[in-house]
């Protein structure tokens, strides 16, 4: 089975003073005051969104859970 790569980018908005997400993960929208908070939210919601919206299996996500987040 081929591996699919999803991209998430954190952008800084000077007007609202938050990081916001741009991503190809359907349903993902993050706004956070710090990059640490942004990353924590991403790690928390990513598995559920991938399973619900991209037909990924829980086993595939758990197998790749060690993948790093690049900031």
Protein backbone atom coordinates (compact mmCIF):
# COMPACT_ATOMS: atom_id res chain seq x y z
CA UNK A 1 0.00 0.00 0.00
CA UNK A 2 1.36 3.43 -0.88
CA UNK A 3 1.97 5.98 1.82
CA UNK A 4 0.09 9.28 1.60
CA UNK A 5 1.71 12.44 2.89
CA UNK A 6 -0.41 15.25 4.30
CA UNK A 7 0.89 18.79 4.65
CA UNK A 8 0.10 21.27 7.40
CA UNK A 9 1.60 24.75 7.47
CA UNK A 10 1.39 27.19 10.35
CA UNK A 11 1.12 30.82 9.25
CA UNK A 12 1.44 33.84 11.55
CA UNK A 13 -1.22 36.57 11.33
CA UNK A 14 0.12 39.89 12.66
CA UNK A 15 -3.35 41.43 12.90
CA UNK A 16 -4.89 38.75 15.11
CA UNK A 17 -1.59 37.62 16.70
CA UNK A 18 -2.28 33.91 16.12
CA UNK A 19 -0.87 31.05 14.12
CA UNK A 20 -3.41 29.57 11.72
CA UNK A 21 -3.30 26.41 9.64
CA UNK A 22 -3.23 25.77 5.94
CA UNK A 23 -3.56 22.07 5.15
CA UNK A 24 -4.75 19.39 2.78
CA UNK A 25 -6.35 17.52 5.70
CA UNK A 26 -10.10 17.97 5.24
CA UNK A 27 -11.70 19.67 8.25
CA UNK A 28 -8.46 20.87 9.84
CA UNK A 29 -8.59 24.47 11.04
CA UNK A 30 -6.29 25.57 13.85
CA UNK A 31 -5.79 28.97 15.43
CA UNK A 32 -3.34 29.21 18.32
CA UNK A 33 -1.41 31.91 20.15
CA UNK A 34 1.84 29.92 20.21
CA UNK A 35 3.48 27.38 17.95
CA UNK A 36 3.53 24.94 20.89
CA UNK A 37 -0.24 25.25 21.27
CA UNK A 38 -0.65 24.86 17.49
CA UNK A 39 1.39 21.65 17.53
CA UNK A 40 -0.51 20.26 20.53
CA UNK A 41 -3.85 20.82 18.80
CA UNK A 42 -2.55 19.26 15.58
CA UNK A 43 -1.31 16.14 17.34
CA UNK A 44 -4.65 15.85 19.18
CA UNK A 45 -7.04 16.20 16.21
CA UNK A 46 -5.04 14.80 13.28
CA UNK A 47 -5.81 11.07 13.79
CA UNK A 48 -9.58 11.58 14.03
CA UNK A 49 -9.69 13.83 10.96
CA UNK A 50 -7.62 11.43 8.88
CA UNK A 51 -9.83 8.49 9.80
CA UNK A 52 -13.08 10.42 9.26
CA UNK A 53 -12.20 12.29 6.09
CA UNK A 54 -9.46 10.43 4.28
CA UNK A 55 -10.34 6.74 4.70
CA UNK A 56 -7.17 6.13 6.69
CA UNK A 57 -7.21 3.26 9.12
CA UNK A 58 -6.36 3.61 12.79
CA UNK A 59 -3.62 1.00 12.32
CA UNK A 60 -1.94 3.04 9.58
CA UNK A 61 -2.03 6.17 11.71
CA UNK A 62 -0.67 4.38 14.76
CA UNK A 63 2.10 2.83 12.67
CA UNK A 64 3.17 6.31 11.54
CA UNK A 65 2.59 7.99 14.92
CA UNK A 66 6.31 8.42 15.37
CA UNK A 67 6.58 10.68 12.36
CA UNK A 68 7.95 14.08 13.25
CA UNK A 69 6.35 17.44 12.90
CA UNK A 70 8.65 19.80 11.04
CA UNK A 71 8.36 23.44 12.05
